[in-house]
Amino acid sequence: MATKLEIFDDWVQKNNKKIMKMIEVGSYSVPWVQEEFRKMRVWIIGNPKKAPQVNICRFISSWLIRGRNQEIQPKNPITKEQEDKHYAEHRRTGTNNEGFTKIKI
């Protein structure tokens, strides 16, 4: 019986054109996708019970979308409380976000 990693690798080889289309449509760079596939394989080895046996295309697509979203979003996003404090300070001091004094017309 084939392991889940072998099933995944076999699917990737058989569906190379489909994967290339995903890369093209998603505007992903090939080196980035190659690195993500390495991460997928490591994840499958470490999580064999959760690894996909069917819907491998969906697994790959979701992984790539999630990976790109994590790169776009900041590592430590500003909380609503921090944002409110930031703007309250600027209102109190009469400066805008760049630190310049507001011109009152």
N, C-alpha and C. Protein backbone atom coordinates (compact mmCIF):
# COMPACT_ATOMS: atom_id res chain seq x y z
N MET A 1 0.83 -1.18 0.00
CA MET A 1 0.00 0.00 0.00
C MET A 1 0.88 1.25 0.00
N ALA A 2 0.50 2.22 -0.81
CA ALA A 2 1.29 3.44 -0.94
C ALA A 2 1.09 4.35 0.27
N THR A 3 2.18 5.01 0.66
CA THR A 3 2.07 5.99 1.75
C THR A 3 1.38 7.24 1.22
N LYS A 4 0.94 8.09 2.13
CA LYS A 4 0.27 9.32 1.71
C LYS A 4 1.24 10.25 0.98
N LEU A 5 2.51 10.20 1.35
CA LEU A 5 3.51 11.00 0.64
C LEU A 5 3.66 10.50 -0.79
N GLU A 6 3.68 9.18 -0.98
CA GLU A 6 3.77 8.61 -2.33
C GLU A 6 2.53 8.96 -3.15
N ILE A 7 1.36 8.93 -2.52
CA ILE A 7 0.12 9.32 -3.22
C ILE A 7 0.21 10.77 -3.66
N PHE A 8 0.69 11.63 -2.75
CA PHE A 8 0.84 13.06 -3.06
C PHE A 8 1.82 13.26 -4.20
N ASP A 9 3.02 12.66 -4.09
CA ASP A 9 4.05 12.81 -5.12
C ASP A 9 3.56 12.29 -6.47
N ASP A 10 2.86 11.18 -6.47
CA ASP A 10 2.32 10.61 -7.70
C ASP A 10 1.31 11.55 -8.33
N TRP A 11 0.43 12.11 -7.51
CA TRP A 11 -0.57 13.05 -8.02
C TRP A 11 0.10 14.28 -8.62
N VAL A 12 1.14 14.79 -7.95
CA VAL A 12 1.86 15.97 -8.44
C VAL A 12 2.48 15.68 -9.80
N GLN A 13 3.10 14.52 -9.95
CA GLN A 13 3.71 14.16 -11.23
C GLN A 13 2.68 14.04 -12.34
N LYS A 14 1.55 13.41 -12.04
CA LYS A 14 0.52 13.20 -13.06
C LYS A 14 -0.23 14.47 -13.43
N ASN A 15 -0.24 15.45 -12.55
CA ASN A 15 -1.03 16.66 -12.75
C ASN A 15 -0.16 17.91 -12.85
N ASN A 16 1.00 17.75 -13.43
CA ASN A 16 1.94 18.87 -13.55
C ASN A 16 1.33 20.05 -14.30
N LYS A 17 0.56 19.79 -15.35
CA LYS A 17 -0.06 20.87 -16.12
C LYS A 17 -1.06 21.64 -15.26
N LYS A 18 -1.82 20.93 -14.46
CA LYS A 18 -2.81 21.57 -13.58
C LYS A 18 -2.09 22.46 -12.56
N ILE A 19 -0.98 21.99 -12.03
CA ILE A 19 -0.21 22.76 -11.05
C ILE A 19 0.37 24.00 -11.71
N MET A 20 0.90 23.86 -12.92
CA MET A 20 1.44 25.02 -13.63
C MET A 20 0.36 26.06 -13.88
N LYS A 21 -0.85 25.62 -14.16
CA LYS A 21 -1.97 26.53 -14.36
C LYS A 21 -2.29 27.28 -13.05
N MET A 22 -2.26 26.56 -11.92
CA MET A 22 -2.48 27.20 -10.62
C MET A 22 -1.43 28.28 -10.37
N ILE A 23 -0.19 27.97 -10.71
CA ILE A 23 0.91 28.93 -10.51
C ILE A 23 0.68 30.16 -11.38
N GLU A 24 0.29 29.93 -12.62
CA GLU A 24 0.05 31.03 -13.56
C GLU A 24 -1.13 31.90 -13.12
N VAL A 25 -2.24 31.27 -12.80
CA VAL A 25 -3.44 32.01 -12.41
C VAL A 25 -3.23 32.75 -11.09
N GLY A 26 -2.54 32.13 -10.16
CA GLY A 26 -2.29 32.74 -8.86
C GLY A 26 -1.15 33.73 -8.84
N SER A 27 -0.45 33.88 -9.96
CA SER A 27 0.71 34.77 -10.07
C SER A 27 1.77 34.47 -9.02
N TYR A 28 2.00 33.20 -8.78
CA TYR A 28 3.02 32.79 -7.83
C TYR A 28 4.36 32.67 -8.55
N SER A 29 5.45 32.94 -7.85
CA SER A 29 6.77 32.72 -8.46
C SER A 29 7.13 31.24 -8.32
N VAL A 30 7.79 30.71 -9.32
CA VAL A 30 8.13 29.29 -9.32
C VAL A 30 9.03 28.91 -8.14
N PRO A 31 10.07 29.70 -7.81
CA PRO A 31 10.90 29.33 -6.65
C PRO A 31 10.09 29.29 -5.34
N TRP A 32 9.15 30.23 -5.18
CA TRP A 32 8.32 30.26 -3.98
C TRP A 32 7.45 29.00 -3.93
N VAL A 33 6.87 28.62 -5.06
CA VAL A 33 6.01 27.42 -5.12
C VAL A 33 6.83 26.17 -4.82
N GLN A 34 8.04 26.10 -5.34
CA GLN A 34 8.90 24.95 -5.06
C GLN A 34 9.17 24.83 -3.56
N GLU A 35 9.43 25.96 -2.91
CA GLU A 35 9.65 25.95 -1.47
C GLU A 35 8.39 25.51 -0.73
N GLU A 36 7.23 25.98 -1.19
CA GLU A 36 5.97 25.59 -0.56
C GLU A 36 5.70 24.09 -0.74
N PHE A 37 6.07 23.54 -1.89
CA PHE A 37 5.89 22.09 -2.09
C PHE A 37 6.80 21.30 -1.15
N ARG A 38 8.00 21.81 -0.89
CA ARG A 38 8.87 21.15 0.08
C ARG A 38 8.21 21.17 1.47
N LYS A 39 7.61 22.32 1.82
CA LYS A 39 6.92 22.43 3.11
C LYS A 39 5.72 21.48 3.18
N MET A 40 4.98 21.36 2.06
CA MET A 40 3.84 20.44 2.02
C MET A 40 4.29 19.01 2.28
N ARG A 41 5.38 18.61 1.64
CA ARG A 41 5.87 17.25 1.79
C ARG A 41 6.30 16.98 3.24
N VAL A 42 6.97 17.96 3.84
CA VAL A 42 7.38 17.81 5.25
C VAL A 42 6.14 17.71 6.14
N TRP A 43 5.13 18.54 5.85
CA TRP A 43 3.90 18.50 6.64
C TRP A 43 3.22 17.14 6.51
N ILE A 44 3.17 16.60 5.31
CA ILE A 44 2.55 15.29 5.08
C ILE A 44 3.29 14.20 5.84
N ILE A 45 4.60 14.25 5.85
CA ILE A 45 5.39 13.27 6.60
C ILE A 45 5.09 13.39 8.09
N GLY A 46 4.98 14.60 8.59
CA GLY A 46 4.73 14.82 10.00
C GLY A 46 3.28 14.63 10.43
N ASN A 47 2.36 14.68 9.48
CA ASN A 47 0.93 14.57 9.79
C ASN A 47 0.24 13.56 8.87
N PRO A 48 0.69 12.31 8.88
CA PRO A 48 0.14 11.35 7.92
C PRO A 48 -1.35 11.10 8.07
N LYS A 49 -1.88 11.24 9.29
CA LYS A 49 -3.32 11.01 9.46
C LYS A 49 -4.17 12.13 8.86
N LYS A 50 -3.59 13.33 8.78
CA LYS A 50 -4.32 14.48 8.24
C LYS A 50 -4.03 14.71 6.75
N ALA A 51 -3.04 14.01 6.23
CA ALA A 51 -2.62 14.22 4.85
C ALA A 51 -3.74 13.85 3.87
N PRO A 52 -3.84 14.60 2.78
CA PRO A 52 -4.92 14.32 1.82
C PRO A 52 -4.68 13.04 1.02
N GLN A 53 -5.76 12.33 0.77
CA GLN A 53 -5.71 11.18 -0.15
C GLN A 53 -6.52 11.50 -1.39
N VAL A 54 -7.54 12.30 -1.19
CA VAL A 54 -8.37 12.80 -2.30
C VAL A 54 -8.37 14.32 -2.17
N ASN A 55 -8.85 14.99 -3.17
CA ASN A 55 -8.86 16.46 -3.17
C ASN A 55 -7.47 17.05 -2.98
N ILE A 56 -6.48 16.44 -3.57
CA ILE A 56 -5.10 16.93 -3.43
C ILE A 56 -4.97 18.30 -4.08
N CYS A 57 -5.69 18.51 -5.17
CA CYS A 57 -5.65 19.82 -5.83
C CYS A 57 -6.16 20.91 -4.88
N ARG A 58 -7.22 20.62 -4.16
CA ARG A 58 -7.76 21.58 -3.19
C ARG A 58 -6.75 21.83 -2.07
N PHE A 59 -6.10 20.78 -1.59
CA PHE A 59 -5.09 20.89 -0.55
C PHE A 59 -3.97 21.83 -1.01
N ILE A 60 -3.47 21.63 -2.22
CA ILE A 60 -2.38 22.44 -2.76
C ILE A 60 -2.83 23.89 -2.92
N SER A 61 -3.99 24.08 -3.52
CA SER A 61 -4.51 25.43 -3.74
C SER A 61 -4.68 26.18 -2.42
N SER A 62 -5.28 25.53 -1.44
CA SER A 62 -5.48 26.16 -0.13
C SER A 62 -4.16 26.49 0.53
N TRP A 63 -3.21 25.59 0.41
CA TRP A 63 -1.88 25.80 1.01
C TRP A 63 -1.22 27.03 0.39
N LEU A 64 -1.26 27.14 -0.94
CA LEU A 64 -0.62 28.26 -1.61
C LEU A 64 -1.30 29.59 -1.27
N ILE A 65 -2.62 29.59 -1.24
CA ILE A 65 -3.35 30.81 -0.89
C ILE A 65 -3.02 31.23 0.53
N ARG A 66 -3.05 30.29 1.45
CA ARG A 66 -2.75 30.59 2.86
C ARG A 66 -1.32 31.09 3.01
N GLY A 67 -0.39 30.47 2.29
CA GLY A 67 1.01 30.88 2.36
C GLY A 67 1.22 32.29 1.85
N ARG A 68 0.55 32.62 0.76
CA ARG A 68 0.70 33.97 0.22
C ARG A 68 0.06 34.98 1.15
N ASN A 69 -1.08 34.67 1.72
CA ASN A 69 -1.74 35.59 2.65
C ASN A 69 -0.89 35.83 3.88
N GLN A 70 -0.19 34.83 4.36
CA GLN A 70 0.67 34.99 5.53
C GLN A 70 1.86 35.89 5.21
N GLU A 71 2.32 35.87 3.97
CA GLU A 71 3.43 36.74 3.58
C GLU A 71 2.98 38.19 3.46
N ILE A 72 1.75 38.39 3.01
CA ILE A 72 1.23 39.74 2.81
C ILE A 72 0.91 40.41 4.14
N GLN A 73 0.31 39.68 5.06
CA GLN A 73 -0.09 40.24 6.34
C GLN A 73 1.12 40.41 7.24
N PRO A 74 1.15 41.51 8.00
CA PRO A 74 2.28 41.70 8.91
C PRO A 74 2.32 40.64 10.00
N LYS A 75 3.51 40.36 10.49
CA LYS A 75 3.69 39.34 11.51
C LYS A 75 2.99 39.74 12.82
N ASN A 76 3.06 41.02 13.18
CA ASN A 76 2.43 41.51 14.40
C ASN A 76 1.46 42.62 14.03
N PRO A 77 0.27 42.27 13.61
CA PRO A 77 -0.67 43.31 13.20
C PRO A 77 -1.05 44.21 14.37
N ILE A 78 -1.36 45.45 14.06
CA ILE A 78 -1.76 46.41 15.07
C ILE A 78 -3.18 46.08 15.53
N THR A 79 -3.36 46.07 16.84
CA THR A 79 -4.70 45.81 17.37
C THR A 79 -5.53 47.08 17.28
N LYS A 80 -6.83 46.93 17.39
CA LYS A 80 -7.75 48.07 17.36
C LYS A 80 -7.40 49.03 18.50
N GLU A 81 -7.07 48.49 19.66
CA GLU A 81 -6.72 49.32 20.82
C GLU A 81 -5.46 50.15 20.54
N GLN A 82 -4.46 49.54 19.92
CA GLN A 82 -3.23 50.26 19.59
C GLN A 82 -3.50 51.35 18.57
N GLU A 83 -4.34 51.04 17.58
CA GLU A 83 -4.68 52.02 16.56
C GLU A 83 -5.43 53.21 17.17
N ASP A 84 -6.39 52.95 18.04
CA ASP A 84 -7.14 54.02 18.70
C ASP A 84 -6.22 54.90 19.53
N LYS A 85 -5.29 54.28 20.26
CA LYS A 85 -4.33 55.03 21.08
C LYS A 85 -3.45 55.91 20.20
N HIS A 86 -3.03 55.38 19.06
CA HIS A 86 -2.18 56.11 18.12
C HIS A 86 -2.90 57.37 17.62
N TYR A 87 -4.14 57.19 17.15
CA TYR A 87 -4.89 58.34 16.62
C TYR A 87 -5.28 59.32 17.71
N ALA A 88 -5.57 58.84 18.92
CA ALA A 88 -5.90 59.74 20.04
C ALA A 88 -4.69 60.62 20.36
N GLU A 89 -3.51 60.06 20.33
CA GLU A 89 -2.29 60.83 20.59
C GLU A 89 -2.11 61.93 19.54
N HIS A 90 -2.38 61.61 18.29
CA HIS A 90 -2.23 62.62 17.23
C HIS A 90 -3.29 63.71 17.36
N ARG A 91 -4.50 63.33 17.78
CA ARG A 91 -5.53 64.35 17.99
C ARG A 91 -5.15 65.25 19.16
N ARG A 92 -4.61 64.66 20.21
CA ARG A 92 -4.23 65.41 21.40
C ARG A 92 -3.10 66.39 21.12
N THR A 93 -2.12 65.95 20.34
CA THR A 93 -0.95 66.79 20.08
C THR A 93 -1.13 67.71 18.89
N GLY A 94 -2.19 67.50 18.10
CA GLY A 94 -2.43 68.36 16.94
C GLY A 94 -1.50 68.06 15.78
N THR A 95 -0.98 66.85 15.72
CA THR A 95 -0.11 66.47 14.61
C THR A 95 -0.81 65.41 13.77
N ASN A 96 -0.39 65.31 12.52
CA ASN A 96 -0.94 64.24 11.69
C ASN A 96 -0.04 63.02 11.82
N ASN A 97 -0.30 61.99 11.04
CA ASN A 97 0.45 60.73 11.19
C ASN A 97 1.93 60.86 10.90
N GLU A 98 2.32 61.87 10.13
CA GLU A 98 3.74 62.02 9.79
C GLU A 98 4.47 62.86 10.83
N GLY A 99 3.75 63.37 11.84
CA GLY A 99 4.40 64.15 12.88
C GLY A 99 4.42 65.65 12.59
N PHE A 100 3.82 66.09 11.50
CA PHE A 100 3.79 67.50 11.18
C PHE A 100 2.59 68.17 11.86
N THR A 101 2.76 69.40 12.23
CA THR A 101 1.66 70.14 12.85
C THR A 101 0.59 70.39 11.79
N LYS A 102 -0.66 70.19 12.18
CA LYS A 102 -1.76 70.43 11.25
C LYS A 102 -1.91 71.92 11.00
N ILE A 103 -2.21 72.24 9.78
CA ILE A 103 -2.47 73.64 9.44
C ILE A 103 -3.95 73.88 9.61
N LYS A 104 -4.28 74.88 10.42
CA LYS A 104 -5.69 75.20 10.66
C LYS A 104 -6.07 76.34 9.73
N ILE A 105 -7.10 76.10 8.94
CA ILE A 105 -7.53 77.10 7.96
C ILE A 105 -8.76 77.80 8.48
